[in-house]
Amino acid sequence: MAFTPLHDRVVVRRTESEEKTSGGLIIPDSAKEKPAEGEVIAVGEGARKDSGELITPAVSTGDKVLFGKWSGTEITIDGEELLIMKESDIMGILA
């Protein structure tokens, strides 16, 4: 990928949602919600304090993260739909 996010921005690839419910019902595409879970594929260098000191990002490439339903901006890079968001939009790292 030829894209590097700036400052405290993060590029996330959404993970695919389940096709079936736990009871075995198939969920049609029109009823699916966009997943709020994804994998970090690129991280900026971090934000800066007023003093100019760099704040290292808490997430890194490859982390599985949970983010808000309406977080980020959808972008298309190399034909792939991705999200770019501020690190603060990420709610946590999934183990």
PDB file of N, CA and C in Angstrom:
ATOM      1  N   MET A   1       0.850  -1.170   0.000  1.00  0.00           N
ATOM      2  CA  MET A   1       0.000   0.000   0.000  1.00  0.00           C
ATOM      3  C   MET A   1       0.897   1.233   0.000  1.00  0.00           C
ATOM      4  N   ALA A   2       0.582   2.180  -0.860  1.00  0.00           N
ATOM      5  CA  ALA A   2       1.404   3.381  -0.993  1.00  0.00           C
ATOM      6  C   ALA A   2       0.730   4.561  -0.283  1.00  0.00           C
ATOM      7  N   PHE A   3       0.299   4.369   0.943  1.00  0.00           N
ATOM      8  CA  PHE A   3      -0.358   5.425   1.706  1.00  0.00           C
ATOM      9  C   PHE A   3       0.148   5.376   3.135  1.00  0.00           C
ATOM     10  N   THR A   4       0.606   6.508   3.645  1.00  0.00           N
ATOM     11  CA  THR A   4       1.059   6.599   5.030  1.00  0.00           C
ATOM     12  C   THR A   4       0.237   7.676   5.723  1.00  0.00           C
ATOM     13  N   PRO A   5      -0.526   7.314   6.763  1.00  0.00           N
ATOM     14  CA  PRO A   5      -1.314   8.319   7.472  1.00  0.00           C
ATOM     15  C   PRO A   5      -0.405   9.275   8.240  1.00  0.00           C
ATOM     16  N   LEU A   6      -0.863  10.497   8.395  1.00  0.00           N
ATOM     17  CA  LEU A   6      -0.092  11.507   9.109  1.00  0.00           C
ATOM     18  C   LEU A   6      -0.556  11.628  10.556  1.00  0.00           C
ATOM     19  N   HIS A   7       0.346  12.106  11.385  1.00  0.00           N
ATOM     20  CA  HIS A   7       0.077  12.432  12.788  1.00  0.00           C
ATOM     21  C   HIS A   7      -0.543  11.249  13.539  1.00  0.00           C
ATOM     22  N   ASP A   8      -1.721  11.451  14.150  1.00  0.00           N
ATOM     23  CA  ASP A   8      -2.323  10.392  14.970  1.00  0.00           C
ATOM     24  C   ASP A   8      -3.438   9.659  14.227  1.00  0.00           C
ATOM     25  N   ARG A   9      -3.304   9.572  12.912  1.00  0.00           N
ATOM     26  CA  ARG A   9      -4.327   8.880  12.128  1.00  0.00           C
ATOM     27  C   ARG A   9      -3.929   7.416  11.910  1.00  0.00           C
ATOM     28  N   VAL A  10      -4.970   6.584  11.733  1.00  0.00           N
ATOM     29  CA  VAL A  10      -4.790   5.141  11.612  1.00  0.00           C
ATOM     30  C   VAL A  10      -5.638   4.655  10.434  1.00  0.00           C
ATOM     31  N   VAL A  11      -5.117   3.732   9.633  1.00  0.00           N
ATOM     32  CA  VAL A  11      -5.882   3.113   8.549  1.00  0.00           C
ATOM     33  C   VAL A  11      -6.308   1.727   9.030  1.00  0.00           C
ATOM     34  N   VAL A  12      -7.622   1.456   8.908  1.00  0.00           N
ATOM     35  CA  VAL A  12      -8.198   0.208   9.416  1.00  0.00           C
ATOM     36  C   VAL A  12      -8.953  -0.502   8.300  1.00  0.00           C
ATOM     37  N   ARG A  13      -8.775  -1.824   8.226  1.00  0.00           N
ATOM     38  CA  ARG A  13      -9.547  -2.678   7.313  1.00  0.00           C
ATOM     39  C   ARG A  13     -10.639  -3.345   8.151  1.00  0.00           C
ATOM     40  N   ARG A  14     -11.898  -3.110   7.780  1.00  0.00           N
ATOM     41  CA  ARG A  14     -13.009  -3.739   8.512  1.00  0.00           C
ATOM     42  C   ARG A  14     -12.930  -5.256   8.378  1.00  0.00           C
ATOM     43  N   THR A  15     -13.309  -5.959   9.448  1.00  0.00           N
ATOM     44  CA  THR A  15     -13.418  -7.412   9.362  1.00  0.00           C
ATOM     45  C   THR A  15     -14.817  -7.734   8.878  1.00  0.00           C
ATOM     46  N   GLU A  16     -14.955  -8.814   8.168  1.00  0.00           N
ATOM     47  CA  GLU A  16     -16.263  -9.207   7.641  1.00  0.00           C
ATOM     48  C   GLU A  16     -17.169  -9.659   8.766  1.00  0.00           C
ATOM     49  N   SER A  17     -18.446  -9.280   8.690  1.00  0.00           N
ATOM     50  CA  SER A  17     -19.409  -9.692   9.710  1.00  0.00           C
ATOM     51  C   SER A  17     -19.893 -11.107   9.414  1.00  0.00           C
ATOM     52  N   GLU A  18     -20.494 -11.695  10.407  1.00  0.00           N
ATOM     53  CA  GLU A  18     -20.985 -13.067  10.281  1.00  0.00           C
ATOM     54  C   GLU A  18     -22.108 -13.157   9.250  1.00  0.00           C
ATOM     55  N   GLU A  19     -22.118 -14.230   8.474  1.00  0.00           N
ATOM     56  CA  GLU A  19     -23.161 -14.463   7.478  1.00  0.00           C
ATOM     57  C   GLU A  19     -24.397 -15.103   8.115  1.00  0.00           C
ATOM     58  N   LYS A  20     -24.197 -15.775   9.267  1.00  0.00           N
ATOM     59  CA  LYS A  20     -25.299 -16.473   9.939  1.00  0.00           C
ATOM     60  C   LYS A  20     -25.376 -16.047  11.393  1.00  0.00           C
ATOM     61  N   THR A  21     -26.570 -16.168  11.971  1.00  0.00           N
ATOM     62  CA  THR A  21     -26.734 -15.929  13.400  1.00  0.00           C
ATOM     63  C   THR A  21     -26.309 -17.186  14.139  1.00  0.00           C
ATOM     64  N   SER A  22     -26.243 -17.106  15.465  1.00  0.00           N
ATOM     65  CA  SER A  22     -25.857 -18.286  16.250  1.00  0.00           C
ATOM     66  C   SER A  22     -26.892 -19.399  16.112  1.00  0.00           C
ATOM     67  N   GLY A  23     -28.131 -19.054  15.754  1.00  0.00           N
ATOM     68  CA  GLY A  23     -29.188 -20.054  15.559  1.00  0.00           C
ATOM     69  C   GLY A  23     -29.200 -20.639  14.162  1.00  0.00           C
ATOM     70  N   GLY A  24     -28.321 -20.145  13.269  1.00  0.00           N
ATOM     71  CA  GLY A  24     -28.212 -20.705  11.939  1.00  0.00           C
ATOM     72  C   GLY A  24     -28.950 -19.936  10.852  1.00  0.00           C
ATOM     73  N   LEU A  25     -29.610 -18.818  11.206  1.00  0.00           N
ATOM     74  CA  LEU A  25     -30.306 -18.027  10.191  1.00  0.00           C
ATOM     75  C   LEU A  25     -29.305 -17.230   9.360  1.00  0.00           C
ATOM     76  N   ILE A  26     -29.528 -17.182   8.057  1.00  0.00           N
ATOM     77  CA  ILE A  26     -28.652 -16.429   7.173  1.00  0.00           C
ATOM     78  C   ILE A  26     -29.103 -14.974   7.156  1.00  0.00           C
ATOM     79  N   ILE A  27     -28.154 -14.067   7.335  1.00  0.00           N
ATOM     80  CA  ILE A  27     -28.456 -12.645   7.368  1.00  0.00           C
ATOM     81  C   ILE A  27     -28.246 -12.068   5.970  1.00  0.00           C
ATOM     82  N   PRO A  28     -29.295 -11.475   5.358  1.00  0.00           N
ATOM     83  CA  PRO A  28     -29.109 -10.882   4.028  1.00  0.00           C
ATOM     84  C   PRO A  28     -28.260  -9.615   4.106  1.00  0.00           C
ATOM     85  N   ASP A  29     -27.582  -9.269   3.000  1.00  0.00           N
ATOM     86  CA  ASP A  29     -26.713  -8.095   2.961  1.00  0.00           C
ATOM     87  C   ASP A  29     -27.443  -6.821   3.364  1.00  0.00           C
ATOM     88  N   SER A  30     -28.714  -6.707   2.993  1.00  0.00           N
ATOM     89  CA  SER A  30     -29.467  -5.488   3.300  1.00  0.00           C
ATOM     90  C   SER A  30     -29.729  -5.318   4.794  1.00  0.00           C
ATOM     91  N   ALA A  31     -29.652  -6.384   5.574  1.00  0.00           N
ATOM     92  CA  ALA A  31     -29.918  -6.321   7.017  1.00  0.00           C
ATOM     93  C   ALA A  31     -28.646  -6.274   7.851  1.00  0.00           C
ATOM     94  N   LYS A  32     -27.503  -6.455   7.206  1.00  0.00           N
ATOM     95  CA  LYS A  32     -26.239  -6.461   7.946  1.00  0.00           C
ATOM     96  C   LYS A  32     -25.842  -5.050   8.347  1.00  0.00           C
ATOM     97  N   GLU A  33     -25.273  -4.926   9.524  1.00  0.00           N
ATOM     98  CA  GLU A  33     -24.698  -3.657   9.952  1.00  0.00           C
ATOM     99  C   GLU A  33     -23.217  -3.684   9.610  1.00  0.00           C
ATOM    100  N   LYS A  34     -22.660  -2.499   9.362  1.00  0.00           N
ATOM    101  CA  LYS A  34     -21.228  -2.437   9.120  1.00  0.00           C
ATOM    102  C   LYS A  34     -20.510  -2.823  10.403  1.00  0.00           C
ATOM    103  N   PRO A  35     -19.530  -3.700  10.299  1.00  0.00           N
ATOM    104  CA  PRO A  35     -18.820  -4.106  11.518  1.00  0.00           C
ATOM    105  C   PRO A  35     -18.023  -2.957  12.114  1.00  0.00           C
ATOM    106  N   ALA A  36     -17.968  -2.926  13.436  1.00  0.00           N
ATOM    107  CA  ALA A  36     -17.205  -1.903  14.148  1.00  0.00           C
ATOM    108  C   ALA A  36     -15.922  -2.519  14.684  1.00  0.00           C
ATOM    109  N   GLU A  37     -15.414  -3.468  13.939  1.00  0.00           N
ATOM    110  CA  GLU A  37     -14.211  -4.196  14.324  1.00  0.00           C
ATOM    111  C   GLU A  37     -13.325  -4.276  13.091  1.00  0.00           C
ATOM    112  N   GLY A  38     -12.017  -4.187  13.292  1.00  0.00           N
ATOM    113  CA  GLY A  38     -11.135  -4.252  12.147  1.00  0.00           C
ATOM    114  C   GLY A  38      -9.690  -4.478  12.527  1.00  0.00           C
ATOM    115  N   GLU A  39      -8.845  -4.471  11.501  1.00  0.00           N
ATOM    116  CA  GLU A  39      -7.408  -4.681  11.685  1.00  0.00           C
ATOM    117  C   GLU A  39      -6.668  -3.423  11.245  1.00  0.00           C
ATOM    118  N   VAL A  40      -5.740  -2.975  12.073  1.00  0.00           N
ATOM    119  CA  VAL A  40      -4.941  -1.805  11.755  1.00  0.00           C
ATOM    120  C   VAL A  40      -3.926  -2.194  10.681  1.00  0.00           C
ATOM    121  N   ILE A  41      -3.901  -1.442   9.570  1.00  0.00           N
ATOM    122  CA  ILE A  41      -2.941  -1.772   8.515  1.00  0.00           C
ATOM    123  C   ILE A  41      -1.886  -0.691   8.320  1.00  0.00           C
ATOM    124  N   ALA A  42      -2.106   0.503   8.909  1.00  0.00           N
ATOM    125  CA  ALA A  42      -1.082   1.558   8.858  1.00  0.00           C
ATOM    126  C   ALA A  42      -1.328   2.543   9.991  1.00  0.00           C
ATOM    127  N   VAL A  43      -0.241   3.062  10.561  1.00  0.00           N
ATOM    128  CA  VAL A  43      -0.324   3.990  11.696  1.00  0.00           C
ATOM    129  C   VAL A  43       0.589   5.169  11.425  1.00  0.00           C
ATOM    130  N   GLY A  44       0.097   6.383  11.741  1.00  0.00           N
ATOM    131  CA  GLY A  44       0.913   7.584  11.606  1.00  0.00           C
ATOM    132  C   GLY A  44       1.978   7.633  12.698  1.00  0.00           C
ATOM    133  N   GLU A  45       2.825   8.648  12.649  1.00  0.00           N
ATOM    134  CA  GLU A  45       3.932   8.756  13.609  1.00  0.00           C
ATOM    135  C   GLU A  45       3.472   9.129  15.007  1.00  0.00           C
ATOM    136  N   GLY A  46       2.269   9.678  15.139  1.00  0.00           N
ATOM    137  CA  GLY A  46       1.738  10.058  16.447  1.00  0.00           C
ATOM    138  C   GLY A  46       1.468  11.543  16.535  1.00  0.00           C
ATOM    139  N   ALA A  47       0.716  11.931  17.539  1.00  0.00           N
ATOM    140  CA  ALA A  47       0.391  13.338  17.768  1.00  0.00           C
ATOM    141  C   ALA A  47       1.581  14.024  18.440  1.00  0.00           C
ATOM    142  N   ARG A  48       1.506  15.326  18.521  1.00  0.00           N
ATOM    143  CA  ARG A  48       2.555  16.096  19.191  1.00  0.00           C
ATOM    144  C   ARG A  48       1.954  16.922  20.312  1.00  0.00           C
ATOM    145  N   LYS A  49       2.688  16.993  21.430  1.00  0.00           N
ATOM    146  CA  LYS A  49       2.303  17.857  22.543  1.00  0.00           C
ATOM    147  C   LYS A  49       2.602  19.302  22.152  1.00  0.00           C
ATOM    148  N   ASP A  50       2.112  20.247  22.953  1.00  0.00           N
ATOM    149  CA  ASP A  50       2.391  21.659  22.689  1.00  0.00           C
ATOM    150  C   ASP A  50       3.892  21.952  22.681  1.00  0.00           C
ATOM    151  N   SER A  51       4.640  21.164  23.445  1.00  0.00           N
ATOM    152  CA  SER A  51       6.087  21.353  23.512  1.00  0.00           C
ATOM    153  C   SER A  51       6.809  20.796  22.278  1.00  0.00           C
ATOM    154  N   GLY A  52       6.067  20.089  21.421  1.00  0.00           N
ATOM    155  CA  GLY A  52       6.674  19.499  20.228  1.00  0.00           C
ATOM    156  C   GLY A  52       7.067  18.045  20.414  1.00  0.00           C
ATOM    157  N   GLU A  53       6.968  17.542  21.645  1.00  0.00           N
ATOM    158  CA  GLU A  53       7.315  16.149  21.935  1.00  0.00           C
ATOM    159  C   GLU A  53       6.298  15.203  21.284  1.00  0.00           C
ATOM    160  N   LEU A  54       6.790  14.131  20.676  1.00  0.00           N
ATOM    161  CA  LEU A  54       5.957  13.156  19.983  1.00  0.00           C
ATOM    162  C   LEU A  54       5.275  12.216  20.980  1.00  0.00           C
ATOM    163  N   ILE A  55       3.975  12.000  20.795  1.00  0.00           N
ATOM    164  CA  ILE A  55       3.220  11.031  21.603  1.00  0.00           C
ATOM    165  C   ILE A  55       3.110   9.763  20.767  1.00  0.00           C
ATOM    166  N   THR A  56       3.742   8.698  21.193  1.00  0.00           N
ATOM    167  CA  THR A  56       3.746   7.436  20.457  1.00  0.00           C
ATOM    168  C   THR A  56       2.347   6.829  20.435  1.00  0.00           C
ATOM    169  N   PRO A  57       1.871   6.359  19.273  1.00  0.00           N
ATOM    170  CA  PRO A  57       0.544   5.736  19.196  1.00  0.00           C
ATOM    171  C   PRO A  57       0.456   4.469  20.051  1.00  0.00           C
ATOM    172  N   ALA A  58      -0.735   4.206  20.591  1.00  0.00           N
ATOM    173  CA  ALA A  58      -0.951   3.019  21.419  1.00  0.00           C
ATOM    174  C   ALA A  58      -1.244   1.781  20.571  1.00  0.00           C
ATOM    175  N   VAL A  59      -1.632   1.981  19.310  1.00  0.00           N
ATOM    176  CA  VAL A  59      -1.916   0.853  18.426  1.00  0.00           C
ATOM    177  C   VAL A  59      -0.776   0.693  17.433  1.00  0.00           C
ATOM    178  N   SER A  60      -0.666  -0.508  16.890  1.00  0.00           N
ATOM    179  CA  SER A  60       0.358  -0.753  15.877  1.00  0.00           C
ATOM    180  C   SER A  60      -0.232  -1.614  14.765  1.00  0.00           C
ATOM    181  N   THR A  61       0.461  -1.688  13.673  1.00  0.00           N
ATOM    182  CA  THR A  61       0.019  -2.470  12.522  1.00  0.00           C
ATOM    183  C   THR A  61      -0.238  -3.921  12.936  1.00  0.00           C
ATOM    184  N   GLY A  62      -1.380  -4.455  12.511  1.00  0.00           N
ATOM    185  CA  GLY A  62      -1.735  -5.835  12.827  1.00  0.00           C
ATOM    186  C   GLY A  62      -2.669  -5.973  14.018  1.00  0.00           C
ATOM    187  N   ASP A  63      -2.830  -4.914  14.830  1.00  0.00           N
ATOM    188  CA  ASP A  63      -3.734  -4.980  15.978  1.00  0.00           C
ATOM    189  C   ASP A  63      -5.179  -5.120  15.516  1.00  0.00           C
ATOM    190  N   LYS A  64      -5.961  -5.936  16.215  1.00  0.00           N
ATOM    191  CA  LYS A  64      -7.403  -6.038  15.994  1.00  0.00           C
ATOM    192  C   LYS A  64      -8.046  -5.039  16.943  1.00  0.00           C
ATOM    193  N   VAL A  65      -8.858  -4.119  16.400  1.00  0.00           N
ATOM    194  CA  VAL A  65      -9.402  -3.028  17.197  1.00  0.00           C
ATOM    195  C   VAL A  65     -10.926  -2.945  17.093  1.00  0.00           C
ATOM    196  N   LEU A  66     -11.505  -2.269  18.067  1.00  0.00           N
ATOM    197  CA  LEU A  66     -12.933  -1.998  18.116  1.00  0.00           C
ATOM    198  C   LEU A  66     -13.080  -0.483  18.038  1.00  0.00           C
ATOM    199  N   PHE A  67     -13.972  -0.003  17.174  1.00  0.00           N
ATOM    200  CA  PHE A  67     -14.143   1.434  17.002  1.00  0.00           C
ATOM    201  C   PHE A  67     -15.626   1.760  16.917  1.00  0.00           C
ATOM    202  N   GLY A  68     -15.951   3.039  17.020  1.00  0.00           N
ATOM    203  CA  GLY A  68     -17.334   3.484  16.973  1.00  0.00           C
ATOM    204  C   GLY A  68     -17.979   3.192  15.630  1.00  0.00           C
ATOM    205  N   LYS A  69     -19.286   2.982  15.654  1.00  0.00           N
ATOM    206  CA  LYS A  69     -20.043   2.621  14.460  1.00  0.00           C
ATOM    207  C   LYS A  69     -19.894   3.654  13.337  1.00  0.00           C
ATOM    208  N   TRP A  70     -19.831   4.921  13.681  1.00  0.00           N
ATOM    209  CA  TRP A  70     -19.747   5.987  12.689  1.00  0.00           C
ATOM    210  C   TRP A  70     -18.352   6.604  12.629  1.00  0.00           C
ATOM    211  N   SER A  71     -17.360   5.942  13.154  1.00  0.00           N
ATOM    212  CA  SER A  71     -15.994   6.475  13.187  1.00  0.00           C
ATOM    213  C   SER A  71     -15.331   6.418  11.820  1.00  0.00           C
ATOM    214  N   GLY A  72     -14.461   7.364  11.586  1.00  0.00           N
ATOM    215  CA  GLY A  72     -13.606   7.322  10.416  1.00  0.00           C
ATOM    216  C   GLY A  72     -14.250   7.787   9.124  1.00  0.00           C
ATOM    217  N   THR A  73     -13.406   7.859   8.118  1.00  0.00           N
ATOM    218  CA  THR A  73     -13.801   8.240   6.768  1.00  0.00           C
ATOM    219  C   THR A  73     -13.464   7.083   5.844  1.00  0.00           C
ATOM    220  N   GLU A  74     -14.445   6.676   5.039  1.00  0.00           N
ATOM    221  CA  GLU A  74     -14.205   5.571   4.120  1.00  0.00           C
ATOM    222  C   GLU A  74     -13.385   6.064   2.934  1.00  0.00           C
ATOM    223  N   ILE A  75     -12.345   5.310   2.602  1.00  0.00           N
ATOM    224  CA  ILE A  75     -11.491   5.625   1.458  1.00  0.00           C
ATOM    225  C   ILE A  75     -11.271   4.342   0.657  1.00  0.00           C
ATOM    226  N   THR A  76     -10.890   4.481  -0.590  1.00  0.00           N
ATOM    227  CA  THR A  76     -10.568   3.318  -1.421  1.00  0.00           C
ATOM    228  C   THR A  76      -9.130   3.458  -1.889  1.00  0.00           C
ATOM    229  N   ILE A  77      -8.314   2.479  -1.548  1.00  0.00           N
ATOM    230  CA  ILE A  77      -6.909   2.455  -1.962  1.00  0.00           C
ATOM    231  C   ILE A  77      -6.653   1.114  -2.647  1.00  0.00           C
ATOM    232  N   ASP A  78      -6.136   1.168  -3.844  1.00  0.00           N
ATOM    233  CA  ASP A  78      -5.859  -0.041  -4.634  1.00  0.00           C
ATOM    234  C   ASP A  78      -7.089  -0.940  -4.739  1.00  0.00           C
ATOM    235  N   GLY A  79      -8.281  -0.337  -4.872  1.00  0.00           N
ATOM    236  CA  GLY A  79      -9.516  -1.095  -5.024  1.00  0.00           C
ATOM    237  C   GLY A  79     -10.067  -1.685  -3.736  1.00  0.00           C
ATOM    238  N   GLU A  80      -9.448  -1.388  -2.614  1.00  0.00           N
ATOM    239  CA  GLU A  80      -9.887  -1.939  -1.331  1.00  0.00           C
ATOM    240  C   GLU A  80     -10.495  -0.827  -0.481  1.00  0.00           C
ATOM    241  N   GLU A  81     -11.688  -1.095   0.090  1.00  0.00           N
ATOM    242  CA  GLU A  81     -12.335  -0.109   0.945  1.00  0.00           C
ATOM    243  C   GLU A  81     -11.730  -0.171   2.342  1.00  0.00           C
ATOM    244  N   LEU A  82     -11.249   0.986   2.810  1.00  0.00           N
ATOM    245  CA  LEU A  82     -10.599   1.088   4.108  1.00  0.00           C
ATOM    246  C   LEU A  82     -11.189   2.265   4.870  1.00  0.00           C
ATOM    247  N   LEU A  83     -10.845   2.358   6.136  1.00  0.00           N
ATOM    248  CA  LEU A  83     -11.244   3.492   6.972  1.00  0.00           C
ATOM    249  C   LEU A  83      -9.998   4.208   7.445  1.00  0.00           C
ATOM    250  N   ILE A  84     -10.049   5.533   7.453  1.00  0.00           N
ATOM    251  CA  ILE A  84      -8.987   6.302   8.070  1.00  0.00           C
ATOM    252  C   ILE A  84      -9.624   7.080   9.208  1.00  0.00           C
ATOM    253  N   MET A  85      -9.028   6.989  10.391  1.00  0.00           N
ATOM    254  CA  MET A  85      -9.604   7.632  11.572  1.00  0.00           C
ATOM    255  C   MET A  85      -8.511   8.091  12.513  1.00  0.00           C
ATOM    256  N   LYS A  86      -8.884   8.966  13.422  1.00  0.00           N
ATOM    257  CA  LYS A  86      -7.948   9.379  14.463  1.00  0.00           C
ATOM    258  C   LYS A  86      -7.813   8.233  15.459  1.00  0.00           C
ATOM    259  N   GLU A  87      -6.671   8.141  16.067  1.00  0.00           N
ATOM    260  CA  GLU A  87      -6.429   7.071  17.045  1.00  0.00           C
ATOM    261  C   GLU A  87      -7.443   7.156  18.185  1.00  0.00           C
ATOM    262  N   SER A  88      -7.879   8.347  18.536  1.00  0.00           N
ATOM    263  CA  SER A  88      -8.829   8.523  19.630  1.00  0.00           C
ATOM    264  C   SER A  88     -10.214   7.947  19.313  1.00  0.00           C
ATOM    265  N   ASP A  89     -10.517   7.662  18.019  1.00  0.00           N
ATOM    266  CA  ASP A  89     -11.781   7.041  17.652  1.00  0.00           C
ATOM    267  C   ASP A  89     -11.795   5.546  17.948  1.00  0.00           C
ATOM    268  N   ILE A  90     -10.619   4.987  18.192  1.00  0.00           N
ATOM    269  CA  ILE A  90     -10.504   3.558  18.522  1.00  0.00           C
ATOM    270  C   ILE A  90     -10.787   3.369  19.995  1.00  0.00           C
ATOM    271  N   MET A  91     -11.730   2.457  20.305  1.00  0.00           N
ATOM    272  CA  MET A  91     -12.139   2.236  21.689  1.00  0.00           C
ATOM    273  C   MET A  91     -11.255   1.243  22.422  1.00  0.00           C
ATOM    274  N   GLY A  92     -10.632   0.331  21.694  1.00  0.00           N
ATOM    275  CA  GLY A  92      -9.768  -0.629  22.359  1.00  0.00           C
ATOM    276  C   GLY A  92      -9.171  -1.644  21.402  1.00  0.00           C
ATOM    277  N   ILE A  93      -8.212  -2.376  21.917  1.00  0.00           N
ATOM    278  CA  ILE A  93      -7.522  -3.420  21.172  1.00  0.00           C
ATOM    279  C   ILE A  93      -8.083  -4.760  21.632  1.00  0.00           C
ATOM    280  N   LEU A  94      -8.484  -5.609  20.682  1.00  0.00           N
ATOM    281  CA  LEU A  94      -9.032  -6.926  21.001  1.00  0.00           C
ATOM    282  C   LEU A  94      -7.891  -7.924  21.137  1.00  0.00           C
ATOM    283  N   ALA A  95      -7.985  -8.772  22.133  1.00  0.00           N
ATOM    284  CA  ALA A  95      -6.935  -9.774  22.360  1.00  0.00           C
ATOM    285  C   ALA A  95      -7.122 -10.984  21.495  1.00  0.00           C
TER     286      ALA A  95
END
